[in-house]
Amino acid sequence: YYGKTYYEERVHSGLGAFLSSLVNRVMLWLQRRSLECFLGKKPSPIRWLDVGAGSGEFLASLPRERFVPFACEINLQGCALIQRKNITLYKGDFLHQNFLESFDVVSFWHMLEHVKDPKVYLRKCQDILNDDGIVVVALPNTRGLGFRVGRAWWYHMDAPRHVWLGNRKTFSLLAK
């Protein structure tokens, strides 16, 4: 469902390049900062698997002295970009991987809304997480301001790419 240019690095110039770069850096910093609350004093190195890692940009932003990044990506263009960032890569579907290691963190950044049965993905995490490991999930929120304002024009109303949408309540039921 994603065109050939989906994973291409976008080239902006002038003010557009500056603003795009600034917003991207701020978002990555906010992601890392909010996750430090969950990780607390967890000893380094933290082994982090990002499922549906896209271009690997988030993993590449993690400081290597604290994190060991791993990516699982199904798209070949995304895989090529991840490999350029020197990140350990599992190519193909997460459910079909035979992971040889365990992880401290498994993340799904806006990935689970693309699969028909997200519960199966969460179940697999039980097999690959360390005993005190955490799962990080970001999903479109149908109870959020964007949905309430945008409704049918909401950015995440993205069929057929988004198979299901939910909110905190539906995710809590899913995660049980």
Protein backbone atom coordinates (compact mmCIF):
# COMPACT_ATOMS: atom_id res chain seq x y z
CA TYR A 1 0.00 0.00 0.00
CA TYR A 2 3.00 2.29 0.19
CA GLY A 3 4.34 3.80 -3.00
CA LYS A 4 7.94 3.57 -4.16
CA THR A 5 8.77 6.98 -2.72
CA TYR A 6 7.37 6.33 0.78
CA TYR A 7 10.74 5.55 2.36
CA GLU A 8 12.79 7.98 0.32
CA GLU A 9 14.44 10.67 2.34
CA ARG A 10 12.62 13.87 1.65
CA VAL A 11 14.75 16.70 0.37
CA HIS A 12 13.67 20.14 1.48
CA SER A 13 15.44 23.41 1.01
CA GLY A 14 15.51 26.72 2.84
CA LEU A 15 12.95 27.34 5.56
CA GLY A 16 11.10 24.06 4.78
CA ALA A 17 14.27 22.05 5.40
CA PHE A 18 14.97 23.87 8.64
CA LEU A 19 11.42 23.46 9.99
CA SER A 20 11.17 19.81 8.93
CA SER A 21 14.50 19.01 10.57
CA LEU A 22 13.58 20.92 13.74
CA VAL A 23 10.19 19.23 14.14
CA ASN A 24 11.75 15.82 13.53
CA ARG A 25 14.51 16.36 16.11
CA VAL A 26 12.03 17.66 18.69
CA MET A 27 9.73 14.65 18.17
CA LEU A 28 12.60 12.18 18.52
CA TRP A 29 13.82 13.97 21.66
CA LEU A 30 10.30 13.91 23.16
CA GLN A 31 9.98 10.19 22.43
CA ARG A 32 13.30 9.40 24.07
CA ARG A 33 12.66 11.72 27.02
CA SER A 34 9.23 10.27 27.82
CA LEU A 35 10.62 6.73 27.60
CA GLU A 36 13.38 7.52 30.12
CA CYS A 37 10.56 7.76 32.72
CA PHE A 38 9.79 4.07 32.14
CA LEU A 39 13.40 2.97 31.91
CA GLY A 40 14.54 4.84 35.01
CA LYS A 41 17.85 3.51 36.32
CA LYS A 42 17.77 0.35 34.19
CA PRO A 43 21.41 -0.60 33.67
CA SER A 44 23.02 -0.18 30.28
CA PRO A 45 23.16 -1.49 27.70
CA ILE A 46 19.42 -1.62 27.00
CA ARG A 47 18.58 -3.95 24.11
CA TRP A 48 15.80 -2.28 22.10
CA LEU A 49 13.83 -3.95 19.28
CA ASP A 50 11.68 -1.64 17.17
CA VAL A 51 9.08 -3.57 15.16
CA GLY A 52 8.05 -1.88 11.92
CA ALA A 53 11.12 0.31 12.25
CA GLY A 54 10.60 2.09 8.91
CA SER A 55 13.84 3.87 8.05
CA GLY A 56 15.36 3.21 11.49
CA GLU A 57 15.42 6.89 12.33
CA PHE A 58 14.19 6.45 15.91
CA LEU A 59 16.71 3.69 16.69
CA ALA A 60 19.51 5.73 15.13
CA SER A 61 18.66 8.59 17.50
CA LEU A 62 19.25 6.44 20.60
CA PRO A 63 22.63 7.00 22.26
CA ARG A 64 24.74 3.89 21.62
CA GLU A 65 26.44 4.11 25.02
CA ARG A 66 23.04 3.33 26.64
CA PHE A 67 21.19 1.35 23.94
CA VAL A 68 21.82 -1.54 21.57
CA PRO A 69 19.35 -1.06 18.68
CA PHE A 70 17.63 -3.87 16.78
CA ALA A 71 15.08 -3.38 13.99
CA CYS A 72 12.45 -5.62 12.45
CA GLU A 73 11.18 -4.31 9.12
CA ILE A 74 9.17 -5.90 6.32
CA ASN A 75 9.70 -3.25 3.61
CA LEU A 76 12.86 -3.69 1.51
CA GLN A 77 13.39 0.06 1.09
CA GLY A 78 13.14 0.52 4.85
CA CYS A 79 15.57 -2.37 5.35
CA ALA A 80 18.14 -0.71 3.08
CA LEU A 81 17.91 2.54 5.06
CA ILE A 82 18.24 0.70 8.38
CA GLN A 83 21.34 -1.18 7.21
CA ARG A 84 23.01 2.13 6.32
CA LYS A 85 22.56 3.18 9.97
CA ASN A 86 24.50 0.17 11.30
CA ILE A 87 21.51 -1.27 13.18
CA THR A 88 21.06 -5.03 13.61
CA LEU A 89 18.20 -5.89 11.28
CA TYR A 90 15.63 -8.69 11.15
CA LYS A 91 14.13 -8.60 7.65
CA GLY A 92 10.55 -9.70 7.19
CA ASP A 93 7.46 -10.27 9.28
CA PHE A 94 7.95 -10.04 13.05
CA LEU A 95 5.76 -13.10 13.60
CA HIS A 96 8.03 -15.27 11.44
CA GLN A 97 11.31 -14.26 13.09
CA ASN A 98 13.31 -16.68 15.21
CA PHE A 99 14.97 -14.24 17.56
CA LEU A 100 18.21 -15.53 19.02
CA GLU A 101 18.28 -12.97 21.80
CA SER A 102 15.93 -11.35 24.26
CA PHE A 103 15.20 -7.65 24.61
CA ASP A 104 14.69 -5.09 27.34
CA VAL A 105 12.28 -3.05 25.20
CA VAL A 106 10.10 -3.93 22.23
CA SER A 107 8.41 -0.97 20.54
CA PHE A 108 5.60 -0.68 18.03
CA TRP A 109 5.55 2.96 16.86
CA HIS A 110 2.33 3.27 14.86
CA MET A 111 2.62 -0.27 13.57
CA LEU A 112 -0.09 -2.35 15.25
CA GLU A 113 -2.91 -0.51 13.48
CA HIS A 114 -1.59 -2.07 10.25
CA VAL A 115 -2.16 -5.70 11.30
CA LYS A 116 -5.35 -7.73 11.53
CA ASP A 117 -4.59 -9.37 14.88
CA PRO A 118 -2.41 -7.14 17.06
CA LYS A 119 -2.90 -9.46 20.04
CA VAL A 120 -0.70 -12.09 18.33
CA TYR A 121 2.10 -9.52 18.07
CA LEU A 122 1.81 -8.63 21.74
CA ARG A 123 1.80 -12.32 22.67
CA LYS A 124 5.05 -12.87 20.79
CA CYS A 125 6.63 -10.16 22.94
CA GLN A 126 6.23 -12.43 25.95
CA ASP A 127 8.66 -14.87 24.33
CA ILE A 128 11.37 -12.34 23.50
CA LEU A 129 11.25 -9.86 26.39
CA ASN A 130 13.52 -10.12 29.40
CA ASP A 131 11.73 -10.69 32.71
CA ASP A 132 11.64 -6.97 33.50
CA GLY A 133 11.21 -5.91 29.85
CA ILE A 134 8.64 -3.43 28.59
CA VAL A 135 6.51 -3.07 25.48
CA VAL A 136 6.06 0.43 24.08
CA VAL A 137 3.07 1.04 21.81
CA ALA A 138 1.96 4.18 19.99
CA LEU A 139 -1.38 4.07 18.19
CA PRO A 140 -3.82 6.52 16.63
CA ASN A 141 -6.30 7.51 19.34
CA THR A 142 -9.99 7.72 18.43
CA ARG A 143 -10.63 9.62 21.66
CA GLY A 144 -7.97 12.22 20.94
CA LEU A 145 -8.47 15.82 19.84
CA GLY A 146 -7.35 15.10 16.26
CA PHE A 147 -10.11 12.55 15.77
CA ARG A 148 -12.78 14.65 17.47
CA VAL A 149 -11.96 17.61 15.25
CA GLY A 150 -11.11 15.86 11.98
CA ARG A 151 -13.49 12.87 12.03
CA ALA A 152 -13.69 11.51 8.46
CA TRP A 153 -10.73 13.70 7.41
CA TRP A 154 -8.54 12.62 10.31
CA TYR A 155 -5.03 11.75 9.13
CA HIS A 156 -5.20 8.23 10.60
CA MET A 157 -8.38 7.31 8.73
CA ASP A 158 -6.09 5.57 6.31
CA ALA A 159 -7.83 2.48 4.92
CA PRO A 160 -6.68 0.06 3.69
CA ARG A 161 -3.33 0.67 5.42
CA HIS A 162 -4.90 1.10 8.88
CA VAL A 163 -6.86 -2.07 9.53
CA TRP A 164 -8.22 -1.04 12.92
CA LEU A 165 -8.24 2.03 15.17
CA GLY A 166 -8.72 2.28 18.89
CA ASN A 167 -8.17 4.24 22.05
CA ARG A 168 -6.86 3.67 25.56
CA LYS A 169 -9.86 1.53 26.51
CA THR A 170 -9.70 -0.75 23.46
CA PHE A 171 -5.94 -1.12 23.81
CA SER A 172 -6.30 -2.03 27.50
CA LEU A 173 -8.71 -4.79 26.51
CA LEU A 174 -6.35 -5.94 23.77
CA ALA A 175 -3.32 -6.02 26.07
CA LYS A 176 -4.96 -8.31 28.67
